[in-house]
Amino acid sequence: MAGSLDFVRDDERVDLPSRQLARNSEMFFAFRYRAFIVGLVATITANLTAFGQPARPEASSTPSASPSATPIFFADQTLADLKQLRQAALASDYAFKQVAHLANNIGPRLTGSVQAAKAVEYVADEMKALGCDVQLEKVMVPHWVRGVETAELMQFPGQAAGTTQKIVLCALGGSVSTPPEGINADTACVRDFEELKALPREKVNGKIVLFNHSFDKKIAAQGRGGDAYGQAVVYRSDGPVAAAKLGAAACLIRSVGGADYRIPHTGQTNYEDGVPKIPAAAVTAEDADLIAYLAAQGETRMHLVLTPQTLPDVESANVIADIKGSEHPEQVVIVSGHLDSWDLGTGAIDDGAGVAVAMETAHLVRQLHLKPKRTIRVIAWMNEENGSRGSKQYAKDHASEFANHFAVNETDGGADHPIGLNLKAKPEIKKIFEPVAKVLQEIGAGTLNLSEHIGADIEPMEKAGVPAFSPMQDSRFYFNYHHTPADTLDKIVPRELQENAAVVAVAAYAVANAEQSLPR
């Protein structure tokens, strides 16, 4: 029923005989009402039961088949172990010590650098100390180095005699260089590719093109930092080719991120065969606005110097560390992060944190003397940032084993509070993971989200159908620091790093001990 039926009396407004008559009358109607309702309910129930049902057969000596039982994925003991892992992660400082060493003691780990090589050695030694079976799997990686990077406006409307305006920028990864003395050229400012295409070639030819496309802070503030990044980063990757096709001398982009403290944001750019390679850099958001403001008033001329170099490839390695499974050692559950970083900061959140969380999973399993049924494999990938050579080499070397890769993880979204798990898998995986989510809900991380993509390094395995997972992290602030000089250890809150470690360790051990195969 939509509501309830109330009988309202005002006994104080009738005399005693009238009150008795009222009681008698109420009892009579109440009895009749109850009898009516009981009969009505019985009739409706009988009709609903019979409606649309086939006639019930006479009793038979043949017993009916019982419905098949729902398969159990996680045994009671496994769920108890997951709770232990969660609590141990929240009490451990192991992950923070690892990321602190990577960021502070070793520092920036750009592919091909001596710091990247030192980081490989360090992680391998740490995993050996835990008793893991450690392999260094060789990969040849690019070696791009940053040189001088300066810019100033030499001519602009309203200029005081003898002055210039400094522009803060950084070369984009993979950029070619200007001549050692730099280039002098007028600027052409556009918001997007459409505005660039609308310009006559003579308005672009020989000029320094600036793509002044803003990172959408409002979207990021809603917890959709990845979406905001995706909308803006295309100008970093594809802007130089688009500008070069119209004869530009160089390409600048507005830094991709939410920081407002005149901080440039680096990252890889792409070149295209058959299109001239032109120098490419990112200017700070403030300087992008400055250039656009002045260029709208009249001729604005820049002096730009970029001297990066691309050196011969260097031998490096992915670090592979296994805790062998007790029942199905051939089946592998991967937990991973990428060991390389950009060179402006110290690579704490991108992605020292991800490597440290993966290492913590192995540490916790050893600390609690747990015996996973399947092999748990920690991987510290090399060269995610500017080539993905590490993941490509792993796919080449291990593709024949992907059928036995049971599940894969990559953590590459910083270290802010996780609210749950992103899952790249069949939709039914959400139902399967509900007991795991219940364990994680104790730290506010019980949300399960089906995602289109989990991580760059595990993408070959995602495409092969291997179920993938990662922490679903608060992304409101990550892109304030990502790929900038501000990516440093102080941006990591130790408690939130522990929560991420708990999410990854719990999810990894759950699938390593699952009673059934996961759908693929």
Protein backbone atom coordinates (compact mmCIF):
# COMPACT_ATOMS: atom_id res chain seq x y z
CA MET A 1 0.00 0.00 0.00
CA ALA A 2 1.12 3.51 -0.74
CA GLY A 3 0.03 4.88 2.60
CA SER A 4 -1.76 3.93 5.83
CA LEU A 5 -5.35 4.24 7.04
CA ASP A 6 -5.81 6.16 10.32
CA PHE A 7 -8.94 6.05 12.50
CA VAL A 8 -9.16 9.36 14.40
CA ARG A 9 -11.44 9.85 17.41
CA ASP A 10 -11.98 12.69 19.80
CA ASP A 11 -13.26 10.86 22.91
CA GLU A 12 -13.36 14.02 24.93
CA ARG A 13 -16.27 15.35 22.82
CA VAL A 14 -18.80 12.49 23.54
CA ASP A 15 -20.58 11.36 26.73
CA LEU A 16 -20.05 7.95 28.29
CA PRO A 17 -22.96 6.09 26.56
CA SER A 18 -21.98 7.58 23.23
CA ARG A 19 -18.37 6.59 23.89
CA GLN A 20 -19.44 2.97 24.54
CA LEU A 21 -21.48 2.91 21.34
CA ALA A 22 -18.48 4.25 19.50
CA ARG A 23 -16.28 1.46 20.92
CA ASN A 24 -18.84 -1.19 19.96
CA SER A 25 -19.20 0.28 16.51
CA GLU A 26 -15.41 0.43 16.07
CA MET A 27 -15.02 -3.21 17.14
CA PHE A 28 -17.66 -4.33 14.66
CA PHE A 29 -16.21 -2.43 11.74
CA ALA A 30 -12.66 -3.35 12.70
CA PHE A 31 -13.62 -7.03 12.69
CA ARG A 32 -15.32 -6.69 9.32
CA TYR A 33 -12.37 -4.70 7.95
CA ARG A 34 -9.80 -7.26 9.12
CA ALA A 35 -11.83 -10.11 7.65
CA PHE A 36 -12.11 -8.27 4.34
CA ILE A 37 -8.37 -7.58 4.20
CA VAL A 38 -7.40 -11.16 5.10
CA GLY A 39 -9.66 -12.49 2.39
CA LEU A 40 -8.40 -9.98 -0.16
CA VAL A 41 -4.73 -10.78 0.55
CA ALA A 42 -5.40 -14.51 0.27
CA THR A 43 -7.15 -14.03 -3.07
CA ILE A 44 -4.40 -11.81 -4.50
CA THR A 45 -1.67 -14.18 -3.33
CA ALA A 46 -3.38 -17.16 -4.89
CA ASN A 47 -3.91 -15.33 -8.17
CA LEU A 48 -0.32 -14.06 -8.33
CA THR A 49 1.01 -17.53 -7.65
CA ALA A 50 -1.13 -19.08 -10.34
CA PHE A 51 -0.81 -16.26 -12.91
CA GLY A 52 1.27 -17.28 -15.93
CA GLN A 53 2.33 -20.57 -14.31
CA PRO A 54 1.87 -23.91 -16.02
CA ALA A 55 -0.41 -26.39 -14.40
CA ARG A 56 1.41 -28.26 -11.63
CA PRO A 57 1.91 -31.91 -12.58
CA GLU A 58 0.84 -34.75 -10.41
CA ALA A 59 3.37 -36.05 -7.96
CA SER A 60 6.16 -37.98 -9.65
CA SER A 61 8.69 -40.41 -8.36
CA THR A 62 11.46 -38.61 -10.32
CA PRO A 63 13.14 -35.89 -8.18
CA SER A 64 13.57 -32.44 -9.79
CA ALA A 65 17.11 -31.21 -10.49
CA SER A 66 18.42 -28.69 -7.93
CA PRO A 67 19.70 -25.35 -9.26
CA SER A 68 23.48 -25.15 -9.69
CA ALA A 69 25.30 -23.50 -6.80
CA THR A 70 26.90 -20.08 -7.28
CA PRO A 71 30.66 -20.63 -7.62
CA ILE A 72 32.74 -19.47 -4.67
CA PHE A 73 35.64 -17.25 -5.72
CA PHE A 74 37.12 -16.37 -2.34
CA ALA A 75 37.34 -18.85 0.52
CA ASP A 76 36.73 -17.74 4.10
CA GLN A 77 40.43 -18.10 4.89
CA THR A 78 41.34 -15.88 1.92
CA LEU A 79 38.93 -13.18 3.09
CA ALA A 80 40.47 -13.36 6.56
CA ASP A 81 43.93 -12.99 5.00
CA LEU A 82 42.73 -9.95 3.04
CA LYS A 83 41.73 -8.25 6.28
CA GLN A 84 45.17 -8.97 7.68
CA LEU A 85 46.80 -7.51 4.61
CA ARG A 86 44.68 -4.37 4.85
CA GLN A 87 45.63 -3.78 8.48
CA ALA A 88 49.30 -4.58 7.91
CA ALA A 89 49.45 -2.13 4.99
CA LEU A 90 48.01 0.64 7.14
CA ALA A 91 50.67 0.01 9.78
CA SER A 92 53.65 -0.27 7.41
CA ASP A 93 56.10 2.46 6.42
CA TYR A 94 57.88 0.22 3.90
CA ALA A 95 56.28 1.79 0.81
CA PHE A 96 57.05 5.33 1.98
CA LYS A 97 60.68 4.41 2.64
CA GLN A 98 60.96 3.00 -0.88
CA VAL A 99 59.51 6.03 -2.65
CA ALA A 100 61.58 8.33 -0.43
CA HIS A 101 64.75 6.56 -1.50
CA LEU A 102 63.81 6.62 -5.17
CA ALA A 103 62.86 10.32 -5.11
CA ASN A 104 65.36 11.78 -2.65
CA ASN A 105 68.39 9.50 -2.69
CA ILE A 106 68.37 8.61 -6.38
CA GLY A 107 66.39 11.53 -7.80
CA PRO A 108 65.04 12.08 -11.34
CA ARG A 109 65.14 8.83 -13.35
CA LEU A 110 64.81 9.80 -17.01
CA THR A 111 65.30 6.79 -19.27
CA GLY A 112 68.95 6.29 -20.20
CA SER A 113 70.26 8.30 -17.23
CA VAL A 114 72.63 7.01 -14.56
CA GLN A 115 69.84 7.58 -12.02
CA ALA A 116 67.54 5.24 -13.95
CA ALA A 117 70.26 2.58 -13.94
CA LYS A 118 70.80 3.06 -10.20
CA ALA A 119 67.06 2.68 -9.58
CA VAL A 120 67.01 -0.66 -11.41
CA GLU A 121 69.85 -1.90 -9.23
CA TYR A 122 68.18 -0.62 -6.05
CA VAL A 123 64.76 -2.20 -6.64
CA ALA A 124 66.33 -5.51 -7.67
CA ASP A 125 68.37 -5.61 -4.44
CA GLU A 126 65.33 -4.76 -2.31
CA MET A 127 63.25 -7.53 -3.89
CA LYS A 128 66.08 -10.04 -3.43
CA ALA A 129 66.20 -9.07 0.24
CA LEU A 130 62.55 -10.13 0.52
CA GLY A 131 63.37 -13.54 -0.90
CA CYS A 132 61.82 -12.96 -4.32
CA ASP A 133 63.09 -14.67 -7.45
CA VAL A 134 64.50 -11.62 -9.30
CA GLN A 135 65.32 -11.24 -12.97
CA LEU A 136 66.51 -8.19 -14.90
CA GLU A 137 64.98 -8.43 -18.37
CA LYS A 138 67.04 -6.42 -20.86
CA VAL A 139 65.48 -3.62 -22.89
CA MET A 140 67.11 -1.03 -25.13
CA VAL A 141 65.74 2.42 -24.32
CA PRO A 142 65.97 5.93 -25.83
CA HIS A 143 68.39 8.42 -24.32
CA TRP A 144 67.12 11.98 -24.69
CA VAL A 145 68.75 14.70 -22.60
CA ARG A 146 67.55 18.19 -21.83
CA GLY A 147 69.83 21.10 -22.70
CA VAL A 148 69.53 24.87 -22.47
CA GLU A 149 65.93 26.09 -22.63
CA THR A 150 65.31 29.84 -22.60
CA ALA A 151 62.93 32.25 -24.24
CA GLU A 152 62.18 35.96 -24.15
CA LEU A 153 59.92 38.37 -25.96
CA MET A 154 62.16 40.76 -27.86
CA GLN A 155 59.44 42.92 -29.40
CA PHE A 156 55.84 43.49 -28.31
CA PRO A 157 53.22 46.27 -28.13
CA GLY A 158 53.83 48.87 -25.40
CA GLN A 159 57.39 47.75 -24.86
CA ALA A 160 59.67 50.02 -22.83
CA ALA A 161 62.89 50.80 -24.67
CA GLY A 162 65.68 48.32 -24.05
CA THR A 163 63.55 45.72 -22.22
CA THR A 164 62.44 42.16 -22.83
CA GLN A 165 59.90 39.81 -21.26
CA LYS A 166 61.17 36.49 -19.90
CA ILE A 167 59.17 33.39 -20.82
CA VAL A 168 59.35 30.33 -18.56
CA LEU A 169 59.30 27.07 -20.50
CA CYS A 170 60.74 23.59 -20.85
CA ALA A 171 61.50 21.43 -23.86
CA LEU A 172 59.08 18.61 -24.60
CA GLY A 173 60.48 15.11 -24.47
CA GLY A 174 61.95 14.06 -27.79
CA SER A 175 62.14 17.63 -29.08
CA VAL A 176 64.79 18.54 -31.60
CA SER A 177 66.96 21.56 -30.94
CA THR A 178 67.11 25.05 -32.31
CA PRO A 179 70.44 26.27 -33.69
CA PRO A 180 72.82 26.93 -30.76
CA GLU A 181 72.17 30.67 -31.08
CA GLY A 182 68.41 30.11 -31.10
CA ILE A 183 65.75 31.45 -33.43
CA ASN A 184 63.98 34.80 -33.66
CA ALA A 185 60.45 34.70 -34.98
CA ASP A 186 57.02 36.27 -34.65
CA THR A 187 54.41 34.38 -32.66
CA ALA A 188 51.05 33.08 -33.88
CA CYS A 189 48.56 32.16 -31.14
CA VAL A 190 45.71 29.70 -31.57
CA ARG A 191 43.46 27.91 -29.13
CA ASP A 192 43.14 24.59 -30.93
CA PHE A 193 43.76 22.66 -34.13
CA GLU A 194 40.67 24.12 -35.79
CA GLU A 195 41.91 27.69 -35.32
CA LEU A 196 45.29 26.72 -36.72
CA LYS A 197 43.78 25.12 -39.81
CA ALA A 198 41.66 28.21 -40.40
CA LEU A 199 44.76 30.41 -40.74
CA PRO A 200 46.27 31.06 -44.18
CA ARG A 201 49.67 29.41 -44.52
CA GLU A 202 51.41 32.80 -44.67
CA LYS A 203 50.11 33.56 -41.15
CA VAL A 204 51.97 30.50 -39.82
CA ASN A 205 54.97 30.01 -42.09
CA GLY A 206 58.24 30.82 -40.32
CA LYS A 207 56.52 31.71 -37.02
CA ILE A 208 56.50 30.23 -33.54
CA VAL A 209 53.03 28.77 -33.05
CA LEU A 210 51.51 28.73 -29.55
CA PHE A 211 48.61 26.40 -28.74
CA ASN A 212 46.93 28.19 -25.85
CA HIS A 213 44.55 25.37 -24.87
CA SER A 214 43.66 25.41 -21.17
CA PHE A 215 43.55 22.41 -18.85
CA ASP A 216 39.93 22.26 -17.62
CA LYS A 217 40.24 22.83 -13.88
CA LYS A 218 36.49 22.58 -13.33
CA ILE A 219 36.41 19.04 -14.65
CA ALA A 220 39.46 18.16 -12.56
CA ALA A 221 37.83 19.62 -9.45
CA GLN A 222 34.97 17.15 -9.93
CA GLY A 223 37.42 14.26 -9.56
CA ARG A 224 37.86 13.82 -13.33
CA GLY A 225 41.48 14.91 -13.63
CA GLY A 226 42.20 12.21 -16.18
CA ASP A 227 39.47 13.52 -18.48
CA ALA A 228 40.81 17.07 -18.25
CA TYR A 229 44.30 15.82 -18.99
CA GLY A 230 43.13 13.81 -21.97
CA GLN A 231 41.49 16.85 -23.55
CA ALA A 232 44.63 18.99 -23.28
CA VAL A 233 47.51 16.54 -23.74
CA VAL A 234 46.75 16.01 -27.43
CA TYR A 235 48.32 19.43 -28.13
CA ARG A 236 51.52 18.27 -26.49
CA SER A 237 51.67 15.08 -28.52
CA ASP A 238 50.35 16.30 -31.89
CA GLY A 239 50.83 20.07 -31.84
CA PRO A 240 54.35 20.21 -33.32
CA VAL A 241 53.37 18.11 -36.35
CA ALA A 242 50.25 20.19 -37.00
CA ALA A 243 52.27 23.42 -36.82
CA ALA A 244 55.11 22.04 -38.95
CA LYS A 245 52.71 21.07 -41.74
CA LEU A 246 51.96 24.79 -42.16
CA GLY A 247 55.62 25.82 -42.12
CA ALA A 248 56.02 26.88 -38.44
CA ALA A 249 59.56 27.40 -37.18
CA ALA A 250 58.79 26.06 -33.69
CA CYS A 251 55.83 25.01 -31.56
CA LEU A 252 54.89 25.99 -28.05
CA ILE A 253 52.01 24.61 -26.00
CA ARG A 254 50.33 25.82 -22.86
CA SER A 255 51.48 23.53 -20.04
CA VAL A 256 49.13 20.61 -19.46
CA GLY A 257 48.01 20.71 -15.84
CA GLY A 258 46.34 22.71 -13.11
CA ALA A 259 49.26 24.47 -11.43
CA ASP A 260 49.14 28.28 -11.29
CA TYR A 261 52.61 29.02 -10.00
CA ARG A 262 54.47 29.60 -13.29
CA ILE A 263 55.53 25.94 -13.42
CA PRO A 264 56.18 24.33 -16.83
CA HIS A 265 54.94 20.80 -17.54
CA THR A 266 57.00 18.47 -19.70
CA GLY A 267 56.08 15.21 -21.44
CA GLN A 268 56.67 13.36 -24.66
CA THR A 269 55.84 14.81 -28.05
CA ASN A 270 55.55 12.93 -31.34
CA TYR A 271 56.96 13.54 -34.80
CA GLU A 272 55.66 12.14 -38.06
CA ASP A 273 57.64 10.73 -40.96
CA GLY A 274 57.68 13.10 -43.91
CA VAL A 275 56.94 16.18 -41.76
CA PRO A 276 59.77 18.53 -40.70
CA LYS A 277 60.76 18.15 -37.05
CA ILE A 278 60.56 21.51 -35.32
CA PRO A 279 61.62 22.48 -31.77
CA ALA A 280 58.82 22.02 -29.23
CA ALA A 281 58.37 23.33 -25.70
CA ALA A 282 55.74 23.95 -23.04
CA VAL A 283 55.30 27.43 -21.58
CA THR A 284 53.68 28.06 -18.23
CA ALA A 285 49.98 28.88 -18.14
CA GLU A 286 50.78 32.44 -17.08
CA ASP A 287 53.25 32.97 -19.92
CA ALA A 288 50.84 31.46 -22.45
CA ASP A 289 48.29 34.06 -21.40
CA LEU A 290 50.93 36.80 -21.58
CA ILE A 291 51.94 35.89 -25.14
CA ALA A 292 48.33 35.63 -26.27
CA TYR A 293 47.47 38.99 -24.70
CA LEU A 294 50.35 40.80 -26.42
CA ALA A 295 50.01 39.03 -29.78
CA ALA A 296 46.35 40.10 -29.94
CA GLN A 297 47.55 43.72 -29.80
CA GLY A 298 50.20 43.49 -32.48
CA GLU A 299 53.48 41.98 -33.59
CA THR A 300 55.10 39.95 -30.81
CA ARG A 301 58.56 38.54 -31.55
CA MET A 302 60.36 35.85 -29.54
CA HIS A 303 63.93 34.65 -29.15
CA LEU A 304 63.89 30.89 -28.42
CA VAL A 305 66.81 28.62 -27.48
CA LEU A 306 66.37 24.85 -27.01
CA THR A 307 69.38 22.51 -27.12
CA PRO A 308 68.17 18.99 -26.23
CA GLN A 309 69.93 15.96 -27.72
CA THR A 310 68.87 12.46 -28.67
CA LEU A 311 71.81 10.17 -27.94
CA PRO A 312 72.26 6.50 -28.92
CA ASP A 313 69.96 3.98 -27.23
CA VAL A 314 71.07 2.62 -23.86
CA GLU A 315 70.71 -0.85 -22.35
CA SER A 316 68.39 -0.92 -19.34
CA ALA A 317 65.99 -3.42 -17.80
CA ASN A 318 62.58 -4.19 -16.37
CA VAL A 319 62.88 -5.52 -12.83
CA ILE A 320 60.89 -8.76 -12.47
CA ALA A 321 60.46 -10.17 -8.94
CA ASP A 322 58.37 -13.31 -8.31
CA ILE A 323 56.85 -14.89 -5.22
CA LYS A 324 56.16 -18.34 -6.61
CA GLY A 325 52.65 -19.73 -6.31
CA SER A 326 52.15 -22.76 -4.07
CA GLU A 327 49.58 -24.50 -6.32
CA HIS A 328 49.66 -22.81 -9.74
CA PRO A 329 53.13 -21.25 -10.08
CA GLU A 330 52.69 -20.95 -13.85
CA GLN A 331 49.75 -18.58 -13.35
CA VAL A 332 50.87 -14.99 -12.75
CA VAL A 333 49.31 -12.00 -10.99
CA ILE A 334 51.25 -8.81 -11.79
CA VAL A 335 51.56 -5.75 -9.53
CA SER A 336 53.56 -2.93 -11.10
CA GLY A 337 54.59 0.67 -11.52
CA HIS A 338 57.07 2.38 -13.82
CA LEU A 339 60.54 3.14 -12.56
CA ASP A 340 61.53 5.89 -14.97
CA SER A 341 60.43 9.49 -14.47
CA TRP A 342 60.75 12.88 -16.10
CA ASP A 343 63.71 14.99 -15.11
CA LEU A 344 62.16 18.25 -13.87
CA GLY A 345 61.12 16.86 -10.49
CA THR A 346 62.18 13.73 -8.61
CA GLY A 347 59.45 11.40 -9.81
CA ALA A 348 57.79 10.84 -6.44
CA ILE A 349 54.17 10.68 -7.54
CA ASP A 350 54.95 9.71 -11.15
CA ASP A 351 55.73 6.99 -10.60
CA GLY A 352 57.90 6.25 -7.58
CA ALA A 353 54.70 5.79 -5.61
CA GLY A 354 53.43 3.13 -8.00
CA VAL A 355 56.67 1.15 -7.80
CA ALA A 356 56.72 1.45 -4.01
CA VAL A 357 53.13 0.20 -3.70
CA ALA A 358 53.99 -2.83 -5.87
CA MET A 359 57.05 -3.54 -3.73
CA GLU A 360 54.90 -3.23 -0.61
CA THR A 361 52.64 -6.03 -1.85
CA ALA A 362 55.59 -8.43 -1.86
CA HIS A 363 56.77 -7.11 1.49
CA LEU A 364 53.38 -7.66 3.16
CA VAL A 365 52.93 -11.17 1.76
CA ARG A 366 56.34 -12.10 3.14
CA GLN A 367 55.78 -10.32 6.44
CA LEU A 368 52.51 -12.20 7.08
CA HIS A 369 53.97 -15.53 5.83
CA LEU A 370 51.16 -15.90 3.32
CA LYS A 371 51.28 -18.55 0.61
CA PRO A 372 49.58 -17.34 -2.59
CA LYS A 373 48.30 -20.14 -4.81
CA ARG A 374 49.45 -18.27 -7.92
CA THR A 375 52.70 -16.43 -8.53
CA ILE A 376 52.69 -12.77 -7.52
CA ARG A 377 55.00 -10.88 -9.85
CA VAL A 378 56.29 -7.40 -9.02
CA ILE A 379 57.40 -5.44 -12.09
CA ALA A 380 59.21 -2.10 -12.13
CA TRP A 381 58.81 -1.04 -15.77
CA MET A 382 61.41 0.96 -17.63
CA ASN A 383 60.62 3.71 -20.16
CA GLU A 384 56.91 4.31 -19.72
CA GLU A 385 57.33 8.05 -20.11
CA ASN A 386 58.99 8.34 -23.52
CA GLY A 387 58.60 5.20 -25.52
CA SER A 388 57.11 2.32 -23.48
CA ARG A 389 60.03 0.17 -24.60
CA GLY A 390 59.88 -1.86 -21.37
CA SER A 391 56.28 -2.95 -21.77
CA LYS A 392 56.74 -3.60 -25.48
CA GLN A 393 59.75 -5.81 -24.77
CA TYR A 394 57.84 -7.70 -22.07
CA ALA A 395 54.96 -8.29 -24.48
CA LYS A 396 57.40 -9.59 -27.08
CA ASP A 397 59.14 -11.92 -24.61
CA HIS A 398 56.07 -13.16 -22.75
CA ALA A 399 53.18 -13.04 -25.25
CA SER A 400 53.02 -16.84 -25.36
CA GLU A 401 52.42 -16.81 -21.59
CA PHE A 402 49.56 -14.30 -21.55
CA ALA A 403 47.01 -17.11 -21.30
CA ASN A 404 48.52 -17.84 -17.88
CA HIS A 405 48.64 -14.20 -16.82
CA PHE A 406 45.75 -14.38 -14.38
CA ALA A 407 45.39 -10.65 -13.61
CA VAL A 408 47.51 -7.51 -13.99
CA ASN A 409 47.86 -4.25 -12.12
CA GLU A 410 49.61 -0.96 -12.77
CA THR A 411 49.53 1.93 -10.33
CA ASP A 412 50.37 5.16 -12.15
CA GLY A 413 48.04 7.83 -10.82
CA GLY A 414 49.96 9.27 -7.89
CA ALA A 415 49.37 8.56 -4.23
CA ASP A 416 46.17 10.40 -3.27
CA HIS A 417 43.36 8.67 -1.38
CA PRO A 418 41.91 5.69 -3.23
CA ILE A 419 38.13 5.31 -3.27
CA GLY A 420 38.13 1.84 -4.79
CA LEU A 421 39.26 -0.21 -7.76
CA ASN A 422 39.20 0.44 -11.47
CA LEU A 423 38.60 -2.81 -13.34
CA LYS A 424 39.26 -3.54 -17.00
CA ALA A 425 37.43 -6.83 -17.37
CA LYS A 426 34.14 -8.49 -18.17
CA PRO A 427 31.15 -6.77 -16.46
CA GLU A 428 30.54 -9.79 -14.19
CA ILE A 429 33.86 -9.07 -12.50
CA LYS A 430 32.12 -6.43 -10.37
CA LYS A 431 29.90 -9.05 -8.76
CA ILE A 432 32.87 -11.34 -8.21
CA PHE A 433 34.86 -8.56 -6.53
CA GLU A 434 32.12 -7.57 -4.07
CA PRO A 435 33.68 -9.49 -1.13
CA VAL A 436 37.00 -7.75 -1.86
CA ALA A 437 35.28 -4.37 -2.02
CA LYS A 438 33.70 -5.08 1.37
CA VAL A 439 37.15 -5.58 2.89
CA LEU A 440 38.36 -2.31 1.33
CA GLN A 441 35.28 -0.35 2.36
CA GLU A 442 36.76 -0.17 5.86
CA ILE A 443 39.21 2.43 4.50
CA GLY A 444 36.70 4.13 2.19
CA ALA A 445 37.96 2.25 -0.86
CA GLY A 446 35.05 -0.04 -1.63
CA THR A 447 33.90 1.40 -4.96
CA LEU A 448 34.18 -0.83 -8.04
CA ASN A 449 34.35 0.85 -11.44
CA LEU A 450 34.54 -0.71 -14.87
CA SER A 451 37.18 1.19 -16.85
CA GLU A 452 38.20 1.28 -20.51
CA HIS A 453 41.91 1.42 -19.71
CA ILE A 454 44.10 0.79 -16.67
CA GLY A 455 47.76 1.45 -17.45
CA ALA A 456 50.13 2.15 -20.34
CA ASP A 457 52.61 -0.60 -19.50
CA ILE A 458 49.98 -3.31 -19.09
CA GLU A 459 48.04 -2.30 -22.21
CA PRO A 460 49.35 -5.25 -24.29
CA MET A 461 47.94 -7.61 -21.66
CA GLU A 462 44.68 -5.68 -21.44
CA LYS A 463 44.29 -6.10 -25.19
CA ALA A 464 44.93 -9.83 -24.80
CA GLY A 465 41.97 -10.02 -22.43
CA VAL A 466 43.84 -10.35 -19.14
CA PRO A 467 41.71 -8.84 -16.32
CA ALA A 468 43.35 -5.62 -15.11
CA PHE A 469 42.96 -3.47 -12.01
CA SER A 470 44.32 -0.32 -10.39
CA PRO A 471 43.47 1.92 -7.44
CA MET A 472 40.77 4.48 -8.30
CA GLN A 473 42.45 7.55 -6.84
CA ASP A 474 41.42 11.10 -6.06
CA SER A 475 42.65 12.95 -9.16
CA ARG A 476 41.71 16.52 -8.25
CA PHE A 477 45.28 17.63 -7.49
CA TYR A 478 47.54 15.12 -9.24
CA PHE A 479 47.89 17.18 -12.43
CA ASN A 480 49.05 20.20 -10.44
CA TYR A 481 52.37 18.39 -10.00
CA HIS A 482 52.54 15.71 -12.72
CA HIS A 483 55.57 16.13 -15.06
CA THR A 484 56.61 19.36 -13.32
CA PRO A 485 59.44 20.45 -11.00
CA ALA A 486 56.88 20.10 -8.18
CA ASP A 487 56.74 16.28 -8.43
CA THR A 488 58.61 15.76 -5.18
CA LEU A 489 58.28 13.60 -2.07
CA ASP A 490 56.43 16.20 0.01
CA LYS A 491 53.38 15.76 -2.25
CA ILE A 492 52.85 12.28 -0.83
CA VAL A 493 50.74 11.89 2.31
CA PRO A 494 52.08 8.76 4.06
CA ARG A 495 48.63 7.60 5.21
CA GLU A 496 47.20 7.85 1.69
CA LEU A 497 50.16 5.91 0.29
CA GLN A 498 49.40 3.20 2.86
CA GLU A 499 45.78 3.13 1.68
CA ASN A 500 46.91 2.64 -1.91
CA ALA A 501 49.21 -0.16 -0.80
CA ALA A 502 46.29 -1.77 1.00
CA VAL A 503 44.08 -1.62 -2.10
CA VAL A 504 46.71 -3.16 -4.37
CA ALA A 505 47.85 -5.83 -1.91
CA VAL A 506 44.30 -6.89 -1.08
CA ALA A 507 43.20 -7.06 -4.72
CA ALA A 508 46.36 -8.86 -5.84
CA TYR A 509 46.25 -11.48 -3.11
CA ALA A 510 42.52 -12.00 -3.63
CA VAL A 511 42.98 -12.95 -7.28
CA ALA A 512 46.16 -14.89 -6.54
CA ASN A 513 44.10 -17.08 -4.19
CA ALA A 514 40.81 -17.15 -6.12
CA GLU A 515 39.04 -20.50 -6.18
CA GLN A 516 37.90 -20.02 -9.78
CA SER A 517 39.32 -18.55 -12.97
CA LEU A 518 38.28 -14.97 -13.67
CA PRO A 519 36.13 -14.37 -16.77
CA ARG A 520 38.04 -13.23 -19.87
